[in-house]
Amino acid sequence: MTAYDLLVIGTGSSGNTVATTCARAGWRVAIADELPYGGTCALRGCDPKKVLVGAAELIDWCDRMRGSGVAADARMDWAELMRFKRTFTDPVPRQREESYGELGIDEYHSAARFLDATTMCVGGRRLEARHVVLATGARPATLGLAGEEHLITSTEFLDLERLPRRVAFIGGGYIAFEFAHVAARAGAKAVILQRGPRVLTGFDPGLVDALVDVSRDVGIDVRVGCAVRGVETRGAGFAVIGSAGGTEFAVECDLVVHAAGRAADLAGLDLAAGNVRRTEKGVAVNEFLQSASNPAVYAVGDCADGGGLPLTPTASAEGEVAARNLLEGNRHSVDFAGLVSIVYTIPALGSTGLTEVSARERGLRCTVHCADSTLWYSSRRIRARRSAFRIVVEEGSGQILGAHVLGEHAEELLNVFALAIRARIPAATLTATLFGYPTASSDIADMLEQSP
């Protein structure tokens, strides 16, 4: 048996942070992952996805500007784009391994399972640790559909050598909308099939409606209230079978993508053997990210029920807090104030802080500043298809409670509002700030002066 101070399972944003922080503090650390080192964000999620989105944004911008000074047609070379994407993803596993080696972290490329509260079997070896950190992330949820084996995951979509002509997405969240917007700009016909009455349920409903309008305008078929029963083969392609409003449908396509949610990746760990309790969302943890049933175990990122959204900033923050608690004792918890959530459609849609509804539910008196800003200079000069916003400000204090933005550069605007929320910078300070002009940020003063 090999003994460690810390054994980390998972090499993504959260696991990497815990392992490297504790190793630098002099702990004997081991890390294990049955997948290539690097985690979802760097290899199978945020980073490669944004490379594809960047190309799609350029295609869309050229299309919007046709007749307004741009004459050439741009098209997406999917194979070449995949080669470019791999320049970001391919080096990651080796870089992670080298960094761990420099820190003296022992590396295991195998699955792990608990043998008891502080012992795990990793690749046939028994490893004992004073502390175990679970950072295994999430995986596509099982849907229970007939023919589910015909679906591909987001990971496989990001590795497609060729983009088929017709793509169907089961689900109406981040994955469906981001990939559908990329596919549409690459020339494919995309259809989104959402079971519930609304898509992108975590975002402001009015802005979502505006984004759905844009999505349909660029050729994406967005359908709600679709109860999908299964996927059948049809010749060289597939048919997604289900019903909507009492009417049967069969959507014929060449590719079906699972975009109906993810679940904590805890299968195979044998949590019961480690006395690690879980909830529907993931490992049950206290405010210190320590297991509620086994004090030797901590859980971070998408595999933990830690109260935050399943986002990379959440995982990184939880990894940092867990490391500090391991090294200093349980004294730290994660502050999720001002967490920014973005769906990288074209245009992008994002949110930070409270909605008007959630603010009023907390008994806060607030004013909402909102407008359709499509004809504002910042949007009109790039022929933006649509832009709009809703900013929630507390009456009296003038504190920013929440911001919700649709449009070009939405993510950068939201980062400014997130800073204001965390640092308690009042709206008056933002309106008085001399932002560079003309920029997206220079619109903030006007945004905060708009009446409902």
Foldseek 3Di string as FASTA:
>chain_A
DAEWQEEEEAQEQQSVLQQLLVLVVPTAYAYEYQDQHYDCCQAQDVQLLVLLLVVLLVQVLLVLCPVVPRPDHDADDLQVSLVVSCVRHVCVSVVSVVVCVVSNYHYANADWADQAQFWIQGPNDIYGHLAYEYEHAKDQDDDPAAAPVQADESRVVSNDNDDFQEEEEEAAALSQQSVLLSCLSNNHAYEYEHQAPAHHVVADRVVRVVVVVVSVVSRYHYDYNWDWRHWAADVQAIWTWTDHPRHTDTHTGRHYYYPHDIAQPDPPHHVVRNQFDADRQATEADQQQAGPGRRRYGYAARRYPNPDDRDSVRSNQSSNSNSCCSVPNRDDGDDCALPKDWRVHQFIKIKGADDPVVCVVVVFAWFKQKDWCCVPPVNVVSSRPTKMKIWIATPPLQQTGMIIITHHPPVVCSVVNSCCRVVVPGLVVLLPDDDDPPDPSPCSNVSVVHHD
